[in-house]
Amino acid sequence: MSRQVTQKKRTDTPPIDQSRRPLQKLLIGFAMTFFGASMLLPFKDDTAGLWSVFSFAYSFNPFKWLFLIATLFYVRLIFRLHEAKLPIFRALVVFLLMLLAVGHLYFNRGDVKVGIGVIFWLASGYLLLAAAIRWRYPTRGLKTGFVAFIVFTSLSIWVQDVYRKGIASNIWRDEQAADKSVSENGQPENAAASQVAMTASAASAVSKPSELTANSLIKVERDFDLFNPWAQKGAPISCESLSKQHYPVMLPPRYLEDGYEWRNYQHGDAVCNNLLYVGTPYVGKPADIVYKIWQDRRSNIYLMMSNQADQALFNESFTITRHENGLDKSDYMKKLNEGFAHLIDDDSAPEADKEYVFSKAETPTLPDTLPAGCVMQPIRNRVNTYQWGTGRVNFRGQSIVKPQTYCSQSHVGVVHLSMDVQAAAKGKTNTMEQRLHIKLFNANTLKPVQCGAVAIPLSASETLAWQAGQLKAELLQLDPLQTTGCLNVSVKLSNGRTLSSGK
């Protein structure tokens, strides 16, 4: 009798238990492999995933906490797939949390360089869900498992391609910047290839930036996502940190990029951080000098300036990380300025914030009225840069908050608020100056107007109203001052008040 019972139990055992096991193990193996890889690969700012997940938890943003929460639940769940009550719903929740965290990071990444580890981390969540479904429904989980296999294969191929192109440290970078990482002959300019090229040309060349002349045309080819110590939270506030908070390396006072000729000007009313670039459409002869700026995966930054004969005029390299700022130890700005001094229209002019600048347009000698108009549109993937008519303005480190624009046949102007730098230095963030900043430009050339950068005091209530969009300027009035040779700029506000820089 007992022998028959035993035999009956054996024949009643569902055959699917054995059939589902290989794919179960394969999916769980994929999930654990992807998860482990994500903890070791670059995740945020070239930092490994394990450290990044915990560092996100120190943020005041609840969405960033999801990285740690989802990771902890993931580790707990991966060891509980064998339970009788299979946690498909829990696996789905973990995957949705991971998807929400990655989606928020994508749309709010700012200056953070997001690495390939994030994709592995998200893929591991999907593979975990596929494994849970396959474990619970061995005859109905084949499609999910097949999709998971396709995802694994596609990502493996894609990851190899990303690393081959040398852009693995940042998977969400600007498309135009990514295109510039490939040279004109179609060969990838990865770190190793670039370093070999630089070393070969530098071995027989002497740094000669002094060979630049007033007719030299420099084309800039640069990575826009360089690690920037001056843009990090808690960075000391100074003239240098403010002017370089959007890009850490000095550019020429005149250069070609994006189809525009850019010129450096000093235009502002602050003690420092008054530099801005004005770009006008360029149609002319090709550049005779190329200035390349790029960074490898080890945070080394390379600068190379070469002529049409591919002879190096200048080369420099240094490391920039959170703990080491090679720029502070390099005198590359002094070396470059030896040549950059020849590019400007007045080489007798002194440097502004350690950079050379061009002469401004002359101060108007006749009154002018500027009504609202000529809208200034921000340019996608170009920080603090605006399209203004056919030209562009890159305000560099200057704070431009809630700008409003005005124009006449002779002049254009922008009126805006600015962040309070002194308050920020004391830890008070998002505090506005109680001043209305006005910047005037020539309408035809977009050259900044001499004496055309002023600031007028506002009341606290007016500052809040402007920031909220409830207060506007109806027009600007320019009146030459015979006594000083400068301008009196008047602003008529929508609340009936008229402000004047001469009072």
Protein backbone atom coordinates (compact mmCIF):
# COMPACT_ATOMS: atom_id res chain seq x y z
CA MET A 1 0.00 0.00 0.00
CA SER A 2 2.74 2.46 0.97
CA ARG A 3 4.57 1.58 -2.22
CA GLN A 4 1.49 2.54 -4.24
CA VAL A 5 1.14 5.85 -2.39
CA THR A 6 4.75 6.67 -3.01
CA GLN A 7 4.39 5.81 -6.66
CA LYS A 8 1.25 7.91 -6.89
CA LYS A 9 2.98 10.93 -5.36
CA ARG A 10 5.77 10.63 -7.87
CA THR A 11 3.39 10.46 -10.82
CA ASP A 12 1.38 13.44 -9.50
CA THR A 13 4.43 15.72 -9.47
CA PRO A 14 3.91 18.45 -12.09
CA PRO A 15 6.43 18.05 -14.90
CA ILE A 16 6.61 21.82 -15.31
CA ASP A 17 8.81 22.17 -12.23
CA GLN A 18 11.72 20.73 -14.16
CA SER A 19 10.94 22.45 -17.45
CA ARG A 20 10.90 25.93 -16.02
CA ARG A 21 14.09 25.78 -14.01
CA PRO A 22 16.74 26.54 -16.71
CA LEU A 23 15.05 29.75 -17.83
CA GLN A 24 14.39 30.69 -14.21
CA LYS A 25 18.05 30.44 -13.37
CA LEU A 26 19.04 32.23 -16.56
CA LEU A 27 16.78 35.21 -15.86
CA ILE A 28 17.83 35.44 -12.22
CA GLY A 29 21.46 35.20 -13.32
CA PHE A 30 20.95 38.03 -15.81
CA ALA A 31 19.19 40.15 -13.18
CA MET A 32 21.94 39.69 -10.60
CA THR A 33 24.69 40.24 -13.21
CA PHE A 34 23.13 43.50 -14.40
CA PHE A 35 22.52 44.68 -10.85
CA GLY A 36 26.08 43.87 -9.79
CA ALA A 37 27.48 45.59 -12.87
CA SER A 38 25.42 48.71 -12.16
CA MET A 39 26.95 48.97 -8.70
CA LEU A 40 30.48 48.96 -10.17
CA LEU A 41 30.06 50.93 -13.40
CA PRO A 42 29.99 54.76 -13.67
CA PHE A 43 26.64 55.94 -12.34
CA LYS A 44 26.87 59.67 -11.59
CA ASP A 45 29.82 61.94 -12.41
CA ASP A 46 31.97 58.85 -13.12
CA THR A 47 31.26 57.57 -9.58
CA ALA A 48 30.44 53.88 -9.10
CA GLY A 49 26.78 52.99 -8.66
CA LEU A 50 27.04 51.74 -5.07
CA TRP A 51 28.44 55.04 -3.80
CA SER A 52 26.12 57.09 -6.01
CA VAL A 53 22.99 55.36 -4.73
CA PHE A 54 23.85 56.23 -1.15
CA SER A 55 24.98 59.77 -2.05
CA PHE A 56 21.57 60.39 -3.68
CA ALA A 57 19.99 59.72 -0.29
CA TYR A 58 21.66 62.84 1.13
CA SER A 59 19.72 65.00 -1.31
CA PHE A 60 16.63 66.95 -0.28
CA ASN A 61 14.90 65.69 -3.43
CA PRO A 62 12.55 62.75 -2.58
CA PHE A 63 12.83 61.42 -6.13
CA LYS A 64 16.54 60.80 -5.60
CA TRP A 65 15.75 58.77 -2.48
CA LEU A 66 14.07 56.27 -4.80
CA PHE A 67 17.50 55.05 -5.94
CA LEU A 68 18.36 53.82 -2.44
CA ILE A 69 14.83 52.61 -1.65
CA ALA A 70 14.53 50.61 -4.87
CA THR A 71 18.05 49.18 -4.42
CA LEU A 72 17.34 47.95 -0.90
CA PHE A 73 14.01 46.37 -1.89
CA TYR A 74 15.69 44.83 -4.92
CA VAL A 75 18.32 43.07 -2.82
CA ARG A 76 15.64 41.82 -0.41
CA LEU A 77 13.40 40.58 -3.20
CA ILE A 78 16.04 38.74 -5.22
CA PHE A 79 16.38 36.22 -2.37
CA ARG A 80 12.63 35.67 -1.97
CA LEU A 81 11.64 34.48 -5.41
CA HIS A 82 11.50 30.90 -4.12
CA GLU A 83 8.66 31.61 -1.69
CA ALA A 84 5.32 29.96 -2.24
CA LYS A 85 3.53 33.28 -2.57
CA LEU A 86 5.53 34.70 -5.41
CA PRO A 87 6.19 38.45 -5.24
CA ILE A 88 5.28 39.46 -8.80
CA PHE A 89 3.51 42.57 -7.59
CA ARG A 90 6.50 43.53 -5.45
CA ALA A 91 8.85 43.05 -8.39
CA LEU A 92 6.57 45.28 -10.47
CA VAL A 93 6.60 47.97 -7.78
CA VAL A 94 10.41 47.86 -7.55
CA PHE A 95 10.71 48.19 -11.33
CA LEU A 96 8.26 51.12 -11.41
CA LEU A 97 10.22 52.85 -8.62
CA MET A 98 13.42 52.37 -10.60
CA LEU A 99 11.74 53.67 -13.76
CA LEU A 100 10.45 56.73 -11.91
CA ALA A 101 13.87 57.47 -10.40
CA VAL A 102 15.68 57.17 -13.74
CA GLY A 103 13.02 59.23 -15.53
CA HIS A 104 13.31 62.03 -12.98
CA LEU A 105 17.11 61.95 -13.24
CA TYR A 106 16.92 62.23 -17.02
CA PHE A 107 14.70 65.32 -17.03
CA ASN A 108 16.45 67.00 -14.07
CA ARG A 109 20.06 65.96 -14.51
CA GLY A 110 21.42 69.52 -14.91
CA ASP A 111 25.24 69.37 -14.89
CA VAL A 112 25.32 65.80 -13.56
CA LYS A 113 27.07 63.38 -15.90
CA VAL A 114 24.98 60.19 -15.96
CA GLY A 115 26.91 56.98 -16.61
CA ILE A 116 26.14 53.63 -18.19
CA GLY A 117 25.55 52.06 -14.77
CA VAL A 118 22.10 53.70 -14.64
CA ILE A 119 20.96 51.70 -17.69
CA PHE A 120 22.26 48.46 -16.18
CA TRP A 121 20.46 49.29 -12.93
CA LEU A 122 17.14 49.86 -14.71
CA ALA A 123 17.57 46.74 -16.88
CA SER A 124 18.18 44.64 -13.77
CA GLY A 125 14.77 45.72 -12.46
CA TYR A 126 13.06 44.58 -15.64
CA LEU A 127 14.93 41.27 -15.58
CA LEU A 128 13.87 40.73 -11.97
CA LEU A 129 10.24 41.24 -12.95
CA ALA A 130 10.67 38.79 -15.85
CA ALA A 131 12.21 36.20 -13.49
CA ALA A 132 9.33 36.57 -11.00
CA ILE A 133 6.73 36.08 -13.73
CA ARG A 134 8.55 33.06 -15.13
CA TRP A 135 8.82 31.49 -11.68
CA ARG A 136 5.09 31.88 -10.97
CA TYR A 137 3.79 31.08 -14.43
CA PRO A 138 6.25 28.65 -16.03
CA THR A 139 4.08 28.06 -19.11
CA ARG A 140 3.04 31.68 -19.63
CA GLY A 141 6.25 33.57 -18.96
CA LEU A 142 8.06 32.69 -22.16
CA LYS A 143 7.29 35.99 -23.88
CA THR A 144 8.56 38.00 -20.93
CA GLY A 145 11.68 35.90 -20.77
CA PHE A 146 12.24 36.26 -24.51
CA VAL A 147 11.90 40.05 -24.31
CA ALA A 148 14.33 40.06 -21.38
CA PHE A 149 16.83 38.10 -23.48
CA ILE A 150 16.44 40.59 -26.36
CA VAL A 151 16.99 43.47 -23.92
CA PHE A 152 20.12 41.79 -22.57
CA THR A 153 21.55 41.16 -26.04
CA SER A 154 20.74 44.66 -27.35
CA LEU A 155 22.21 46.39 -24.32
CA SER A 156 25.36 44.28 -24.52
CA ILE A 157 25.91 45.34 -28.14
CA TRP A 158 25.04 48.96 -27.37
CA VAL A 159 27.36 49.11 -24.37
CA GLN A 160 30.26 47.80 -26.42
CA ASP A 161 29.54 50.45 -29.07
CA VAL A 162 29.37 53.19 -26.43
CA TYR A 163 32.70 52.21 -24.93
CA ARG A 164 34.23 51.91 -28.39
CA LYS A 165 33.27 55.52 -29.13
CA GLY A 166 34.74 56.66 -25.83
CA ILE A 167 31.57 58.33 -24.47
CA ALA A 168 30.61 55.77 -21.85
CA SER A 169 31.06 58.19 -18.98
CA ASN A 170 28.01 60.15 -20.07
CA ILE A 171 25.16 58.41 -21.93
CA TRP A 172 22.86 61.44 -21.88
CA ARG A 173 25.04 64.07 -23.43
CA ASP A 174 24.24 66.74 -25.97
CA GLU A 175 23.81 65.24 -29.44
CA GLN A 176 25.91 67.92 -31.13
CA ALA A 177 28.66 67.44 -28.58
CA ALA A 178 28.49 63.68 -29.16
CA ASP A 179 28.83 64.24 -32.91
CA LYS A 180 31.93 66.35 -32.27
CA SER A 181 33.57 63.41 -30.52
CA VAL A 182 33.98 61.89 -34.00
CA SER A 183 36.58 63.50 -36.22
CA GLU A 184 35.94 64.61 -39.79
CA ASN A 185 37.33 61.39 -41.25
CA GLY A 186 34.81 59.36 -39.26
CA GLN A 187 37.26 58.00 -36.71
CA PRO A 188 36.26 58.19 -33.03
CA GLU A 189 38.31 60.59 -30.97
CA ASN A 190 38.36 58.53 -27.81
CA ALA A 191 40.70 59.25 -24.96
CA ALA A 192 43.43 56.86 -26.02
CA ALA A 193 43.49 57.96 -29.67
CA SER A 194 43.41 61.64 -28.73
CA GLN A 195 46.19 61.29 -26.22
CA VAL A 196 48.40 59.46 -28.72
CA ALA A 197 47.78 62.15 -31.34
CA MET A 198 48.50 64.93 -28.90
CA THR A 199 51.68 63.28 -27.64
CA ALA A 200 52.95 62.68 -31.18
CA SER A 201 52.42 66.25 -32.33
CA ALA A 202 53.61 67.78 -29.08
CA ALA A 203 56.83 65.84 -29.14
CA SER A 204 58.14 67.87 -32.08
CA ALA A 205 56.27 71.12 -31.48
CA VAL A 206 56.85 74.01 -29.18
CA SER A 207 53.97 75.87 -27.54
CA LYS A 208 53.69 78.96 -29.70
CA PRO A 209 50.38 80.76 -29.02
CA SER A 210 52.22 83.99 -29.79
CA GLU A 211 51.98 83.10 -33.50
CA LEU A 212 48.34 84.23 -33.50
CA THR A 213 47.62 87.45 -35.38
CA ALA A 214 44.70 89.84 -35.71
CA ASN A 215 43.56 87.88 -38.79
CA SER A 216 43.69 84.45 -37.15
CA LEU A 217 40.38 82.56 -37.23
CA ILE A 218 40.00 79.96 -34.48
CA LYS A 219 37.38 77.23 -34.62
CA VAL A 220 36.48 75.74 -31.24
CA GLU A 221 35.67 72.03 -30.99
CA ARG A 222 34.89 71.14 -27.39
CA ASP A 223 33.16 68.78 -25.03
CA PHE A 224 30.40 70.66 -23.27
CA ASP A 225 30.12 68.20 -20.38
CA LEU A 226 33.53 68.64 -18.77
CA PHE A 227 33.62 68.11 -15.03
CA ASN A 228 33.46 71.61 -13.58
CA PRO A 229 34.67 72.21 -10.00
CA TRP A 230 33.25 75.74 -10.04
CA ALA A 231 29.73 74.44 -10.72
CA GLN A 232 29.62 72.02 -7.79
CA LYS A 233 27.46 72.62 -4.77
CA GLY A 234 29.41 74.39 -2.05
CA ALA A 235 32.12 75.69 -4.40
CA PRO A 236 33.75 78.90 -3.08
CA ILE A 237 32.22 81.99 -4.66
CA SER A 238 34.72 84.28 -6.39
CA CYS A 239 35.09 86.22 -9.63
CA GLU A 240 36.73 83.18 -11.23
CA SER A 241 34.11 80.69 -9.99
CA LEU A 242 31.25 82.88 -11.22
CA SER A 243 32.70 83.46 -14.69
CA LYS A 244 33.53 79.76 -15.09
CA GLN A 245 30.53 78.15 -13.43
CA HIS A 246 29.15 77.02 -16.81
CA TYR A 247 32.47 76.09 -18.46
CA PRO A 248 35.80 75.61 -16.69
CA VAL A 249 38.27 76.26 -19.53
CA MET A 250 39.08 79.65 -21.05
CA LEU A 251 38.04 80.19 -24.66
CA PRO A 252 39.52 82.70 -27.14
CA PRO A 253 38.15 86.26 -27.16
CA ARG A 254 37.07 85.62 -30.76
CA TYR A 255 36.23 82.18 -32.18
CA LEU A 256 33.89 80.27 -34.53
CA GLU A 257 31.35 77.75 -33.25
CA ASP A 258 27.86 76.59 -34.27
CA GLY A 259 28.02 78.76 -37.39
CA TYR A 260 28.58 81.96 -35.37
CA GLU A 261 31.51 84.22 -34.71
CA TRP A 262 31.69 84.83 -30.97
CA ARG A 263 33.34 87.84 -29.34
CA ASN A 264 34.08 88.41 -25.68
CA TYR A 265 32.86 91.63 -24.03
CA GLN A 266 32.78 93.11 -20.55
CA HIS A 267 29.21 94.27 -19.98
CA GLY A 268 27.68 94.46 -16.53
CA ASP A 269 27.35 96.55 -13.39
CA ALA A 270 28.89 94.20 -10.82
CA VAL A 271 32.42 94.37 -9.37
CA CYS A 272 33.36 91.32 -11.45
CA ASN A 273 31.70 88.55 -13.47
CA ASN A 274 30.69 90.98 -16.22
CA LEU A 275 31.92 88.90 -19.17
CA LEU A 276 29.60 87.75 -21.95
CA TYR A 277 29.92 86.44 -25.50
CA VAL A 278 28.02 87.88 -28.46
CA GLY A 279 27.63 85.64 -31.50
CA THR A 280 26.78 86.82 -35.00
CA PRO A 281 26.20 84.57 -38.06
CA TYR A 282 29.48 83.85 -39.81
CA VAL A 283 29.92 83.39 -43.56
CA GLY A 284 33.51 83.63 -44.69
CA LYS A 285 36.75 81.75 -45.10
CA PRO A 286 37.30 78.56 -43.08
CA ALA A 287 39.17 78.73 -39.82
CA ASP A 288 42.93 78.39 -40.04
CA ILE A 289 43.34 77.20 -36.43
CA VAL A 290 41.44 74.54 -34.49
CA TYR A 291 41.19 74.68 -30.70
CA LYS A 292 40.08 71.33 -29.27
CA ILE A 293 38.98 70.68 -25.69
CA TRP A 294 38.05 67.20 -24.46
CA GLN A 295 38.08 64.99 -21.38
CA ASP A 296 38.78 61.28 -20.95
CA ARG A 297 37.23 58.82 -18.51
CA ARG A 298 39.95 59.49 -15.97
CA SER A 299 38.91 63.16 -15.64
CA ASN A 300 41.97 64.36 -17.55
CA ILE A 301 41.24 67.46 -19.65
CA TYR A 302 43.22 68.06 -22.83
CA LEU A 303 43.67 71.32 -24.75
CA MET A 304 45.19 71.44 -28.21
CA MET A 305 45.52 74.30 -30.66
CA SER A 306 46.84 73.41 -34.12
CA ASN A 307 47.14 75.13 -37.49
CA GLN A 308 46.07 73.92 -40.95
CA ALA A 309 49.33 71.99 -41.28
CA ASP A 310 48.33 70.07 -38.13
CA GLN A 311 51.24 71.59 -36.23
CA ALA A 312 50.57 72.15 -32.56
CA LEU A 313 50.72 75.78 -31.46
CA PHE A 314 49.65 74.99 -27.94
CA ASN A 315 48.89 71.92 -25.84
CA GLU A 316 48.11 71.39 -22.19
CA SER A 317 46.58 68.72 -19.99
CA PHE A 318 45.46 68.58 -16.38
CA THR A 319 43.18 66.61 -14.10
CA ILE A 320 39.95 68.02 -12.69
CA THR A 321 38.08 66.08 -10.02
CA ARG A 322 36.26 66.94 -6.79
CA HIS A 323 39.55 66.59 -4.96
CA GLU A 324 42.04 67.89 -7.52
CA ASN A 325 41.77 70.97 -9.70
CA GLY A 326 44.67 70.93 -12.11
CA LEU A 327 43.68 74.32 -13.50
CA ASP A 328 44.79 75.97 -10.27
CA LYS A 329 48.27 74.56 -10.79
CA SER A 330 48.49 75.46 -14.47
CA ASP A 331 49.46 78.80 -16.01
CA TYR A 332 47.72 77.89 -19.26
CA MET A 333 45.64 81.10 -19.19
CA LYS A 334 48.78 83.22 -19.15
CA LYS A 335 50.26 81.22 -22.05
CA LEU A 336 47.10 81.48 -24.14
CA ASN A 337 46.63 85.16 -23.43
CA GLU A 338 50.04 85.82 -25.00
CA GLY A 339 48.41 84.95 -28.31
CA PHE A 340 44.85 86.00 -27.54
CA ALA A 341 46.03 89.58 -27.02
CA HIS A 342 46.53 89.80 -30.80
CA LEU A 343 42.92 88.80 -31.60
CA ILE A 344 41.12 91.79 -30.10
CA ASP A 345 40.56 95.19 -31.73
CA ASP A 346 42.46 97.14 -29.08
CA ASP A 347 45.50 95.32 -27.70
CA SER A 348 46.19 98.20 -25.33
CA ALA A 349 43.02 97.46 -23.38
CA PRO A 350 43.57 95.79 -20.00
CA GLU A 351 42.33 92.29 -19.26
CA ALA A 352 38.91 91.87 -17.64
CA ASP A 353 38.70 89.02 -15.10
CA LYS A 354 41.97 87.68 -16.60
CA GLU A 355 40.56 87.63 -20.16
CA TYR A 356 40.85 89.94 -23.16
CA VAL A 357 37.71 91.66 -24.42
CA PHE A 358 36.59 93.68 -27.44
CA SER A 359 35.68 97.35 -27.53
CA LYS A 360 32.02 98.25 -27.04
CA ALA A 361 29.75 100.30 -29.27
CA GLU A 362 29.89 104.06 -28.64
CA THR A 363 27.55 105.71 -26.17
CA PRO A 364 24.43 107.11 -27.92
CA THR A 365 24.48 110.86 -28.46
CA LEU A 366 20.73 111.15 -29.17
CA PRO A 367 17.74 110.15 -27.01
CA ASP A 368 16.02 106.88 -27.84
CA THR A 369 12.86 105.07 -26.73
CA LEU A 370 12.72 101.27 -26.62
CA PRO A 371 9.24 99.67 -26.39
CA ALA A 372 8.81 95.99 -25.55
CA GLY A 373 9.62 93.55 -28.34
CA CYS A 374 12.34 91.44 -30.06
CA VAL A 375 11.91 88.38 -27.85
CA MET A 376 15.04 86.60 -26.63
CA GLN A 377 14.71 82.78 -26.75
CA PRO A 378 16.91 80.36 -24.75
CA ILE A 379 18.96 77.93 -26.85
CA ARG A 380 18.54 74.25 -26.05
CA ASN A 381 21.68 72.54 -24.71
CA ARG A 382 23.59 75.83 -24.51
CA VAL A 383 23.64 77.07 -20.94
CA ASN A 384 22.72 80.72 -20.35
CA THR A 385 22.66 81.36 -24.12
CA TYR A 386 19.84 83.10 -26.01
CA GLN A 387 18.84 83.63 -29.62
CA TRP A 388 18.19 87.34 -30.16
CA GLY A 389 17.17 88.17 -33.69
CA THR A 390 19.82 86.72 -35.98
CA GLY A 391 22.45 86.90 -33.23
CA ARG A 392 23.05 85.15 -29.96
CA VAL A 393 24.21 86.19 -26.50
CA ASN A 394 25.95 83.90 -24.02
CA PHE A 395 25.74 85.62 -20.64
CA ARG A 396 28.34 83.20 -19.26
CA GLY A 397 28.33 83.36 -15.44
CA GLN A 398 25.92 86.28 -15.13
CA SER A 399 22.59 85.56 -13.48
CA ILE A 400 19.68 86.32 -15.85
CA VAL A 401 16.33 85.84 -14.11
CA LYS A 402 12.96 86.66 -15.71
CA PRO A 403 14.39 88.67 -18.62
CA GLN A 404 12.23 91.10 -20.61
CA THR A 405 13.41 92.62 -23.90
CA TYR A 406 12.96 96.01 -25.62
CA CYS A 407 14.04 97.34 -28.98
CA SER A 408 14.17 100.30 -31.34
CA GLN A 409 15.79 100.76 -34.73
CA SER A 410 19.08 101.67 -33.06
CA HIS A 411 19.21 99.72 -29.81
CA VAL A 412 17.98 96.57 -28.07
CA GLY A 413 17.90 96.04 -24.34
CA VAL A 414 17.28 93.30 -21.79
CA VAL A 415 15.92 93.97 -18.29
CA HIS A 416 16.21 91.24 -15.67
CA LEU A 417 16.69 90.25 -12.06
CA SER A 418 19.80 88.53 -10.71
CA MET A 419 20.57 86.17 -7.87
CA ASP A 420 22.12 87.76 -4.80
CA VAL A 421 25.72 86.50 -4.84
CA GLN A 422 26.54 87.80 -1.36
CA ALA A 423 23.50 86.03 0.09
CA ALA A 424 24.48 82.83 -1.72
CA ALA A 425 27.97 83.04 -0.20
CA LYS A 426 26.31 83.03 3.22
CA GLY A 427 24.25 79.94 2.37
CA LYS A 428 21.02 81.76 1.47
CA THR A 429 19.95 80.25 -1.85
CA ASN A 430 17.33 81.53 -4.29
CA THR A 431 17.62 85.07 -2.96
CA MET A 432 17.20 87.86 -5.51
CA GLU A 433 18.95 91.20 -5.56
CA GLN A 434 16.53 94.07 -5.06
CA ARG A 435 17.81 95.72 -8.22
CA LEU A 436 16.59 95.83 -11.80
CA HIS A 437 19.46 95.19 -14.22
CA ILE A 438 19.44 96.80 -17.69
CA LYS A 439 21.84 95.90 -20.50
CA LEU A 440 21.82 97.78 -23.81
CA PHE A 441 23.18 96.57 -27.17
CA ASN A 442 23.51 97.98 -30.67
CA ALA A 443 20.51 96.76 -32.69
CA ASN A 444 22.53 95.95 -35.82
CA THR A 445 25.71 94.40 -34.45
CA LEU A 446 24.61 93.33 -30.94
CA LYS A 447 27.72 95.04 -29.60
CA PRO A 448 27.23 96.09 -25.98
CA VAL A 449 26.73 99.84 -25.63
CA GLN A 450 29.29 101.80 -23.65
CA CYS A 451 27.69 102.99 -20.36
CA GLY A 452 24.76 100.73 -21.23
CA ALA A 453 24.85 98.39 -18.24
CA VAL A 454 23.14 99.77 -15.14
CA ALA A 455 21.11 98.58 -12.17
CA ILE A 456 18.27 100.45 -10.48
CA PRO A 457 17.03 99.70 -6.94
CA LEU A 458 13.63 98.02 -6.52
CA SER A 459 11.43 97.58 -3.48
CA ALA A 460 11.05 94.09 -1.99
CA SER A 461 7.44 93.88 -3.18
CA GLU A 462 8.39 94.95 -6.70
CA THR A 463 11.15 92.36 -6.82
CA LEU A 464 8.69 89.61 -5.87
CA ALA A 465 6.13 90.90 -8.36
CA TRP A 466 8.67 90.92 -11.20
CA GLN A 467 9.79 87.43 -10.29
CA ALA A 468 6.16 86.24 -10.31
CA GLY A 469 5.51 87.86 -13.69
CA GLN A 470 3.06 90.38 -12.21
CA LEU A 471 5.28 93.40 -12.89
CA LYS A 472 6.73 94.39 -16.25
CA ALA A 473 8.57 97.29 -17.85
CA GLU A 474 6.55 99.05 -20.52
CA LEU A 475 9.47 100.87 -22.16
CA LEU A 476 13.05 102.08 -21.77
CA GLN A 477 14.14 105.68 -22.31
CA LEU A 478 17.77 106.57 -23.09
CA ASP A 479 18.96 110.14 -22.53
CA PRO A 480 22.62 111.16 -23.05
CA LEU A 481 24.20 113.01 -20.13
CA GLN A 482 26.26 115.95 -21.35
CA THR A 483 28.07 116.30 -18.03
CA THR A 484 29.46 112.76 -17.81
CA GLY A 485 29.26 111.53 -21.38
CA CYS A 486 27.22 108.51 -20.26
CA LEU A 487 23.50 107.70 -20.22
CA ASN A 488 20.49 108.19 -18.02
CA VAL A 489 18.33 105.07 -18.42
CA SER A 490 14.69 105.34 -17.37
CA VAL A 491 12.32 102.40 -16.98
CA LYS A 492 8.55 102.85 -16.98
CA LEU A 493 6.94 100.04 -14.96
CA SER A 494 3.47 98.63 -15.40
CA ASN A 495 2.56 99.73 -11.84
CA GLY A 496 2.91 103.38 -12.89
CA ARG A 497 6.35 104.04 -11.39
CA THR A 498 9.27 105.34 -13.44
CA LEU A 499 12.76 104.36 -12.33
CA SER A 500 15.89 106.18 -13.41
CA SER A 501 19.57 105.29 -13.22
CA GLY A 502 20.44 108.99 -12.80
CA LYS A 503 18.64 109.27 -9.46
